Amino acid sequence: MIVKQEDIRRVRASVLQQLGNKVLIQLDRGRNRVDVQEGVIKGAYPCVFTIQVNDENENPQVLSFSYADVLTRDVRMKLC
């Protein structure tokens, strides 16, 4: 799959609009392993965006993803 700059800009604009909102993220970890977590979009930067989630012990953890991860479906997001 070829990722185009225009597609990345579109995803980035969408993430910027949802800044501060709760999302459900599905992470494809490979080899049929999928993690599902709920978090809040904390930041959107030129190449990556960050989501704050709570781990099993309710400790906050910040995860970062590239916009290409969304386009290649390694990360799927859904508003809560």
PDB file of N, CA and C in Angstrom:
ATOM      1  N   MET A   1       0.836  -1.181   0.000  1.00  0.00           N
ATOM      2  CA  MET A   1       0.000   0.000   0.000  1.00  0.00           C
ATOM      3  C   MET A   1       0.876   1.239   0.000  1.00  0.00           C
ATOM      4  N   ILE A   2       0.614   2.127  -0.925  1.00  0.00           N
ATOM      5  CA  ILE A   2       1.360   3.373  -1.019  1.00  0.00           C
ATOM      6  C   ILE A   2       0.611   4.447  -0.229  1.00  0.00           C
ATOM      7  N   VAL A   3       1.325   5.076   0.692  1.00  0.00           N
ATOM      8  CA  VAL A   3       0.738   6.124   1.526  1.00  0.00           C
ATOM      9  C   VAL A   3       1.070   7.469   0.896  1.00  0.00           C
ATOM     10  N   LYS A   4       0.049   8.244   0.577  1.00  0.00           N
ATOM     11  CA  LYS A   4       0.238   9.545  -0.062  1.00  0.00           C
ATOM     12  C   LYS A   4       0.216  10.656   0.978  1.00  0.00           C
ATOM     13  N   GLN A   5       0.957  11.737   0.697  1.00  0.00           N
ATOM     14  CA  GLN A   5       0.999  12.882   1.604  1.00  0.00           C
ATOM     15  C   GLN A   5      -0.386  13.462   1.835  1.00  0.00           C
ATOM     16  N   GLU A   6      -1.208  13.495   0.814  1.00  0.00           N
ATOM     17  CA  GLU A   6      -2.565  14.040   0.949  1.00  0.00           C
ATOM     18  C   GLU A   6      -3.379  13.226   1.948  1.00  0.00           C
ATOM     19  N   ASP A   7      -3.226  11.902   1.918  1.00  0.00           N
ATOM     20  CA  ASP A   7      -3.941  11.041   2.860  1.00  0.00           C
ATOM     21  C   ASP A   7      -3.456  11.280   4.284  1.00  0.00           C
ATOM     22  N   ILE A   8      -2.156  11.457   4.446  1.00  0.00           N
ATOM     23  CA  ILE A   8      -1.595  11.716   5.778  1.00  0.00           C
ATOM     24  C   ILE A   8      -2.118  13.044   6.304  1.00  0.00           C
ATOM     25  N   ARG A   9      -2.195  14.070   5.456  1.00  0.00           N
ATOM     26  CA  ARG A   9      -2.734  15.364   5.884  1.00  0.00           C
ATOM     27  C   ARG A   9      -4.183  15.246   6.321  1.00  0.00           C
ATOM     28  N   ARG A  10      -4.945  14.423   5.615  1.00  0.00           N
ATOM     29  CA  ARG A  10      -6.363  14.226   5.948  1.00  0.00           C
ATOM     30  C   ARG A  10      -6.504  13.549   7.316  1.00  0.00           C
ATOM     31  N   VAL A  11      -5.690  12.531   7.570  1.00  0.00           N
ATOM     32  CA  VAL A  11      -5.729  11.837   8.869  1.00  0.00           C
ATOM     33  C   VAL A  11      -5.288  12.793   9.978  1.00  0.00           C
ATOM     34  N   ARG A  12      -4.235  13.569   9.722  1.00  0.00           N
ATOM     35  CA  ARG A  12      -3.744  14.512  10.735  1.00  0.00           C
ATOM     36  C   ARG A  12      -4.817  15.547  11.078  1.00  0.00           C
ATOM     37  N   ALA A  13      -5.521  16.057  10.067  1.00  0.00           N
ATOM     38  CA  ALA A  13      -6.590  17.027  10.299  1.00  0.00           C
ATOM     39  C   ALA A  13      -7.708  16.408  11.129  1.00  0.00           C
ATOM     40  N   SER A  14      -8.022  15.159  10.871  1.00  0.00           N
ATOM     41  CA  SER A  14      -9.059  14.457  11.627  1.00  0.00           C
ATOM     42  C   SER A  14      -8.643  14.278  13.091  1.00  0.00           C
ATOM     43  N   VAL A  15      -7.386  13.905  13.315  1.00  0.00           N
ATOM     44  CA  VAL A  15      -6.879  13.735  14.682  1.00  0.00           C
ATOM     45  C   VAL A  15      -6.893  15.081  15.405  1.00  0.00           C
ATOM     46  N   LEU A  16      -6.499  16.151  14.724  1.00  0.00           N
ATOM     47  CA  LEU A  16      -6.503  17.482  15.343  1.00  0.00           C
ATOM     48  C   LEU A  16      -7.904  17.889  15.784  1.00  0.00           C
ATOM     49  N   GLN A  17      -8.912  17.544  15.004  1.00  0.00           N
ATOM     50  CA  GLN A  17     -10.290  17.879  15.360  1.00  0.00           C
ATOM     51  C   GLN A  17     -10.741  17.111  16.605  1.00  0.00           C
ATOM     52  N   GLN A  18     -10.187  15.932  16.828  1.00  0.00           N
ATOM     53  CA  GLN A  18     -10.605  15.087  17.940  1.00  0.00           C
ATOM     54  C   GLN A  18      -9.703  15.229  19.167  1.00  0.00           C
ATOM     55  N   LEU A  19      -8.799  16.181  19.149  1.00  0.00           N
ATOM     56  CA  LEU A  19      -7.869  16.409  20.256  1.00  0.00           C
ATOM     57  C   LEU A  19      -8.634  16.547  21.573  1.00  0.00           C
ATOM     58  N   GLY A  20      -8.253  15.761  22.582  1.00  0.00           N
ATOM     59  CA  GLY A  20      -8.899  15.824  23.887  1.00  0.00           C
ATOM     60  C   GLY A  20     -10.080  14.878  24.033  1.00  0.00           C
ATOM     61  N   ASN A  21     -10.514  14.246  22.957  1.00  0.00           N
ATOM     62  CA  ASN A  21     -11.654  13.325  23.005  1.00  0.00           C
ATOM     63  C   ASN A  21     -11.210  11.908  23.344  1.00  0.00           C
ATOM     64  N   LYS A  22     -12.157  11.160  23.916  1.00  0.00           N
ATOM     65  CA  LYS A  22     -11.922   9.745  24.232  1.00  0.00           C
ATOM     66  C   LYS A  22     -12.067   8.902  22.978  1.00  0.00           C
ATOM     67  N   VAL A  23     -11.133   7.956  22.810  1.00  0.00           N
ATOM     68  CA  VAL A  23     -11.183   7.048  21.667  1.00  0.00           C
ATOM     69  C   VAL A  23     -10.919   5.622  22.123  1.00  0.00           C
ATOM     70  N   LEU A  24     -11.422   4.705  21.350  1.00  0.00           N
ATOM     71  CA  LEU A  24     -11.134   3.285  21.539  1.00  0.00           C
ATOM     72  C   LEU A  24     -10.132   2.938  20.455  1.00  0.00           C
ATOM     73  N   ILE A  25      -8.958   2.435  20.851  1.00  0.00           N
ATOM     74  CA  ILE A  25      -7.945   2.104  19.853  1.00  0.00           C
ATOM     75  C   ILE A  25      -7.744   0.599  19.799  1.00  0.00           C
ATOM     76  N   GLN A  26      -7.573   0.111  18.598  1.00  0.00           N
ATOM     77  CA  GLN A  26      -7.307  -1.302  18.363  1.00  0.00           C
ATOM     78  C   GLN A  26      -5.930  -1.372  17.712  1.00  0.00           C
ATOM     79  N   LEU A  27      -4.985  -2.010  18.384  1.00  0.00           N
ATOM     80  CA  LEU A  27      -3.607  -2.078  17.917  1.00  0.00           C
ATOM     81  C   LEU A  27      -3.319  -3.461  17.359  1.00  0.00           C
ATOM     82  N   ASP A  28      -2.863  -3.518  16.132  1.00  0.00           N
ATOM     83  CA  ASP A  28      -2.488  -4.782  15.515  1.00  0.00           C
ATOM     84  C   ASP A  28      -1.032  -5.058  15.881  1.00  0.00           C
ATOM     85  N   ARG A  29      -0.809  -6.044  16.734  1.00  0.00           N
ATOM     86  CA  ARG A  29       0.536  -6.361  17.216  1.00  0.00           C
ATOM     87  C   ARG A  29       1.221  -7.446  16.389  1.00  0.00           C
ATOM     88  N   GLY A  30       0.569  -7.913  15.334  1.00  0.00           N
ATOM     89  CA  GLY A  30       1.154  -8.950  14.478  1.00  0.00           C
ATOM     90  C   GLY A  30       0.843 -10.347  14.985  1.00  0.00           C
ATOM     91  N   ARG A  31       0.946 -11.307  14.103  1.00  0.00           N
ATOM     92  CA  ARG A  31       0.702 -12.717  14.435  1.00  0.00           C
ATOM     93  C   ARG A  31      -0.632 -12.929  15.145  1.00  0.00           C
ATOM     94  N   ASN A  32      -1.663 -12.290  14.611  1.00  0.00           N
ATOM     95  CA  ASN A  32      -3.037 -12.408  15.122  1.00  0.00           C
ATOM     96  C   ASN A  32      -3.207 -11.926  16.559  1.00  0.00           C
ATOM     97  N   ARG A  33      -2.320 -11.046  17.015  1.00  0.00           N
ATOM     98  CA  ARG A  33      -2.458 -10.444  18.341  1.00  0.00           C
ATOM     99  C   ARG A  33      -3.008  -9.039  18.186  1.00  0.00           C
ATOM    100  N   VAL A  34      -4.078  -8.745  18.907  1.00  0.00           N
ATOM    101  CA  VAL A  34      -4.717  -7.433  18.843  1.00  0.00           C
ATOM    102  C   VAL A  34      -4.958  -6.940  20.261  1.00  0.00           C
ATOM    103  N   ASP A  35      -4.558  -5.698  20.526  1.00  0.00           N
ATOM    104  CA  ASP A  35      -4.827  -5.054  21.817  1.00  0.00           C
ATOM    105  C   ASP A  35      -5.906  -3.999  21.604  1.00  0.00           C
ATOM    106  N   VAL A  36      -6.853  -3.937  22.531  1.00  0.00           N
ATOM    107  CA  VAL A  36      -7.891  -2.910  22.489  1.00  0.00           C
ATOM    108  C   VAL A  36      -7.798  -2.126  23.787  1.00  0.00           C
ATOM    109  N   GLN A  37      -7.680  -0.794  23.665  1.00  0.00           N
ATOM    110  CA  GLN A  37      -7.570   0.066  24.838  1.00  0.00           C
ATOM    111  C   GLN A  37      -8.377   1.331  24.609  1.00  0.00           C
ATOM    112  N   GLU A  38      -8.759   1.949  25.721  1.00  0.00           N
ATOM    113  CA  GLU A  38      -9.469   3.220  25.668  1.00  0.00           C
ATOM    114  C   GLU A  38      -8.520   4.296  26.161  1.00  0.00           C
ATOM    115  N   GLY A  39      -8.518   5.436  25.467  1.00  0.00           N
ATOM    116  CA  GLY A  39      -7.625   6.510  25.862  1.00  0.00           C
ATOM    117  C   GLY A  39      -8.127   7.854  25.373  1.00  0.00           C
ATOM    118  N   VAL A  40      -7.305   8.873  25.598  1.00  0.00           N
ATOM    119  CA  VAL A  40      -7.622  10.249  25.216  1.00  0.00           C
ATOM    120  C   VAL A  40      -6.509  10.750  24.301  1.00  0.00           C
ATOM    121  N   ILE A  41      -6.900  11.363  23.180  1.00  0.00           N
ATOM    122  CA  ILE A  41      -5.909  11.933  22.268  1.00  0.00           C
ATOM    123  C   ILE A  41      -5.308  13.165  22.948  1.00  0.00           C
ATOM    124  N   LYS A  42      -4.023  13.124  23.226  1.00  0.00           N
ATOM    125  CA  LYS A  42      -3.369  14.200  23.974  1.00  0.00           C
ATOM    126  C   LYS A  42      -2.633  15.191  23.095  1.00  0.00           C
ATOM    127  N   GLY A  43      -2.052  14.747  21.987  1.00  0.00           N
ATOM    128  CA  GLY A  43      -1.286  15.668  21.165  1.00  0.00           C
ATOM    129  C   GLY A  43      -1.239  15.230  19.723  1.00  0.00           C
ATOM    130  N   ALA A  44      -1.090  16.217  18.836  1.00  0.00           N
ATOM    131  CA  ALA A  44      -0.940  15.941  17.408  1.00  0.00           C
ATOM    132  C   ALA A  44       0.245  16.770  16.920  1.00  0.00           C
ATOM    133  N   TYR A  45       1.235  16.099  16.392  1.00  0.00           N
ATOM    134  CA  TYR A  45       2.469  16.725  15.950  1.00  0.00           C
ATOM    135  C   TYR A  45       2.644  16.468  14.456  1.00  0.00           C
ATOM    136  N   PRO A  46       3.636  17.072  13.818  1.00  0.00           N
ATOM    137  CA  PRO A  46       3.772  16.916  12.369  1.00  0.00           C
ATOM    138  C   PRO A  46       3.841  15.457  11.879  1.00  0.00           C
ATOM    139  N   CYS A  47       4.492  14.583  12.615  1.00  0.00           N
ATOM    140  CA  CYS A  47       4.660  13.199  12.137  1.00  0.00           C
ATOM    141  C   CYS A  47       3.940  12.154  12.989  1.00  0.00           C
ATOM    142  N   VAL A  48       3.602  12.491  14.232  1.00  0.00           N
ATOM    143  CA  VAL A  48       2.985  11.523  15.137  1.00  0.00           C
ATOM    144  C   VAL A  48       1.869  12.176  15.952  1.00  0.00           C
ATOM    145  N   PHE A  49       1.057  11.323  16.591  1.00  0.00           N
ATOM    146  CA  PHE A  49       0.075  11.807  17.559  1.00  0.00           C
ATOM    147  C   PHE A  49       0.179  10.923  18.793  1.00  0.00           C
ATOM    148  N   THR A  50      -0.256  11.442  19.942  1.00  0.00           N
ATOM    149  CA  THR A  50      -0.134  10.703  21.193  1.00  0.00           C
ATOM    150  C   THR A  50      -1.508  10.455  21.806  1.00  0.00           C
ATOM    151  N   ILE A  51      -1.613   9.307  22.451  1.00  0.00           N
ATOM    152  CA  ILE A  51      -2.833   8.921  23.151  1.00  0.00           C
ATOM    153  C   ILE A  51      -2.442   8.461  24.550  1.00  0.00           C
ATOM    154  N   GLN A  52      -3.126   9.007  25.565  1.00  0.00           N
ATOM    155  CA  GLN A  52      -2.877   8.597  26.945  1.00  0.00           C
ATOM    156  C   GLN A  52      -3.866   7.501  27.320  1.00  0.00           C
ATOM    157  N   VAL A  53      -3.334   6.363  27.762  1.00  0.00           N
ATOM    158  CA  VAL A  53      -4.158   5.231  28.185  1.00  0.00           C
ATOM    159  C   VAL A  53      -3.760   4.861  29.607  1.00  0.00           C
ATOM    160  N   ASN A  54      -4.599   4.076  30.270  1.00  0.00           N
ATOM    161  CA  ASN A  54      -4.274   3.550  31.585  1.00  0.00           C
ATOM    162  C   ASN A  54      -3.928   2.077  31.445  1.00  0.00           C
ATOM    163  N   ASP A  55      -2.832   1.642  32.096  1.00  0.00           N
ATOM    164  CA  ASP A  55      -2.462   0.230  32.034  1.00  0.00           C
ATOM    165  C   ASP A  55      -3.292  -0.580  33.029  1.00  0.00           C
ATOM    166  N   GLU A  56      -2.931  -1.832  33.222  1.00  0.00           N
ATOM    167  CA  GLU A  56      -3.708  -2.722  34.103  1.00  0.00           C
ATOM    168  C   GLU A  56      -3.802  -2.202  35.532  1.00  0.00           C
ATOM    169  N   ASN A  57      -2.787  -1.466  35.980  1.00  0.00           N
ATOM    170  CA  ASN A  57      -2.762  -0.932  37.347  1.00  0.00           C
ATOM    171  C   ASN A  57      -3.279   0.495  37.417  1.00  0.00           C
ATOM    172  N   GLU A  58      -3.981   0.942  36.375  1.00  0.00           N
ATOM    173  CA  GLU A  58      -4.542   2.298  36.288  1.00  0.00           C
ATOM    174  C   GLU A  58      -3.464   3.381  36.304  1.00  0.00           C
ATOM    175  N   ASN A  59      -2.249   3.048  35.873  1.00  0.00           N
ATOM    176  CA  ASN A  59      -1.184   4.040  35.736  1.00  0.00           C
ATOM    177  C   ASN A  59      -1.252   4.638  34.340  1.00  0.00           C
ATOM    178  N   PRO A  60      -1.196   5.975  34.233  1.00  0.00           N
ATOM    179  CA  PRO A  60      -1.269   6.583  32.895  1.00  0.00           C
ATOM    180  C   PRO A  60      -0.015   6.268  32.076  1.00  0.00           C
ATOM    181  N   GLN A  61      -0.229   6.031  30.803  1.00  0.00           N
ATOM    182  CA  GLN A  61       0.852   5.710  29.885  1.00  0.00           C
ATOM    183  C   GLN A  61       0.552   6.434  28.572  1.00  0.00           C
ATOM    184  N   VAL A  62       1.555   7.031  27.965  1.00  0.00           N
ATOM    185  CA  VAL A  62       1.364   7.754  26.712  1.00  0.00           C
ATOM    186  C   VAL A  62       1.932   6.911  25.572  1.00  0.00           C
ATOM    187  N   LEU A  63       1.088   6.659  24.567  1.00  0.00           N
ATOM    188  CA  LEU A  63       1.500   5.909  23.385  1.00  0.00           C
ATOM    189  C   LEU A  63       1.569   6.867  22.205  1.00  0.00           C
ATOM    190  N   SER A  64       2.520   6.665  21.323  1.00  0.00           N
ATOM    191  CA  SER A  64       2.600   7.516  20.139  1.00  0.00           C
ATOM    192  C   SER A  64       2.493   6.657  18.882  1.00  0.00           C
ATOM    193  N   PHE A  65       1.837   7.234  17.871  1.00  0.00           N
ATOM    194  CA  PHE A  65       1.608   6.535  16.612  1.00  0.00           C
ATOM    195  C   PHE A  65       1.828   7.499  15.466  1.00  0.00           C
ATOM    196  N   SER A  66       2.217   6.972  14.332  1.00  0.00           N
ATOM    197  CA  SER A  66       2.327   7.816  13.142  1.00  0.00           C
ATOM    198  C   SER A  66       0.983   7.813  12.430  1.00  0.00           C
ATOM    199  N   TYR A  67       0.772   8.826  11.614  1.00  0.00           N
ATOM    200  CA  TYR A  67      -0.474   8.907  10.855  1.00  0.00           C
ATOM    201  C   TYR A  67      -0.535   7.774   9.827  1.00  0.00           C
ATOM    202  N   ALA A  68       0.616   7.322   9.376  1.00  0.00           N
ATOM    203  CA  ALA A  68       0.671   6.194   8.436  1.00  0.00           C
ATOM    204  C   ALA A  68       0.166   4.913   9.094  1.00  0.00           C
ATOM    205  N   ASP A  69       0.325   4.781  10.428  1.00  0.00           N
ATOM    206  CA  ASP A  69      -0.193   3.603  11.147  1.00  0.00           C
ATOM    207  C   ASP A  69      -1.708   3.502  10.979  1.00  0.00           C
ATOM    208  N   VAL A  70      -2.381   4.642  10.958  1.00  0.00           N
ATOM    209  CA  VAL A  70      -3.836   4.658  10.782  1.00  0.00           C
ATOM    210  C   VAL A  70      -4.189   4.254   9.348  1.00  0.00           C
ATOM    211  N   LEU A  71      -3.439   4.786   8.386  1.00  0.00           N
ATOM    212  CA  LEU A  71      -3.713   4.482   6.979  1.00  0.00           C
ATOM    213  C   LEU A  71      -3.462   3.015   6.642  1.00  0.00           C
ATOM    214  N   THR A  72      -2.453   2.409   7.269  1.00  0.00           N
ATOM    215  CA  THR A  72      -2.138   1.006   6.996  1.00  0.00           C
ATOM    216  C   THR A  72      -2.926   0.059   7.896  1.00  0.00           C
ATOM    217  N   ARG A  73      -3.775   0.626   8.743  1.00  0.00           N
ATOM    218  CA  ARG A  73      -4.650  -0.117   9.656  1.00  0.00           C
ATOM    219  C   ARG A  73      -3.904  -0.908  10.724  1.00  0.00           C
ATOM    220  N   ASP A  74      -2.676  -0.472  11.054  1.00  0.00           N
ATOM    221  CA  ASP A  74      -1.996  -1.035  12.205  1.00  0.00           C
ATOM    222  C   ASP A  74      -2.633  -0.506  13.488  1.00  0.00           C
ATOM    223  N   VAL A  75      -3.244   0.683  13.383  1.00  0.00           N
ATOM    224  CA  VAL A  75      -3.979   1.299  14.488  1.00  0.00           C
ATOM    225  C   VAL A  75      -5.340   1.681  13.941  1.00  0.00           C
ATOM    226  N   ARG A  76      -6.389   1.277  14.645  1.00  0.00           N
ATOM    227  CA  ARG A  76      -7.751   1.677  14.284  1.00  0.00           C
ATOM    228  C   ARG A  76      -8.323   2.442  15.459  1.00  0.00           C
ATOM    229  N   MET A  77      -8.995   3.548  15.169  1.00  0.00           N
ATOM    230  CA  MET A  77      -9.548   4.384  16.233  1.00  0.00           C
ATOM    231  C   MET A  77     -11.039   4.578  16.012  1.00  0.00           C
ATOM    232  N   LYS A  78     -11.745   4.646  17.137  1.00  0.00           N
ATOM    233  CA  LYS A  78     -13.189   4.876  17.107  1.00  0.00           C
ATOM    234  C   LYS A  78     -13.524   5.795  18.283  1.00  0.00           C
ATOM    235  N   LEU A  79     -14.288   6.841  18.034  1.00  0.00           N
ATOM    236  CA  LEU A  79     -14.681   7.761  19.110  1.00  0.00           C
ATOM    237  C   LEU A  79     -15.579   7.044  20.108  1.00  0.00           C
ATOM    238  N   CYS A  80     -15.400   7.353  21.385  1.00  0.00           N
ATOM    239  CA  CYS A  80     -16.241   6.772  22.439  1.00  0.00           C
ATOM    240  C   CYS A  80     -17.396   7.697  22.754  1.00  0.00           C
TER     241      CYS A  80
END
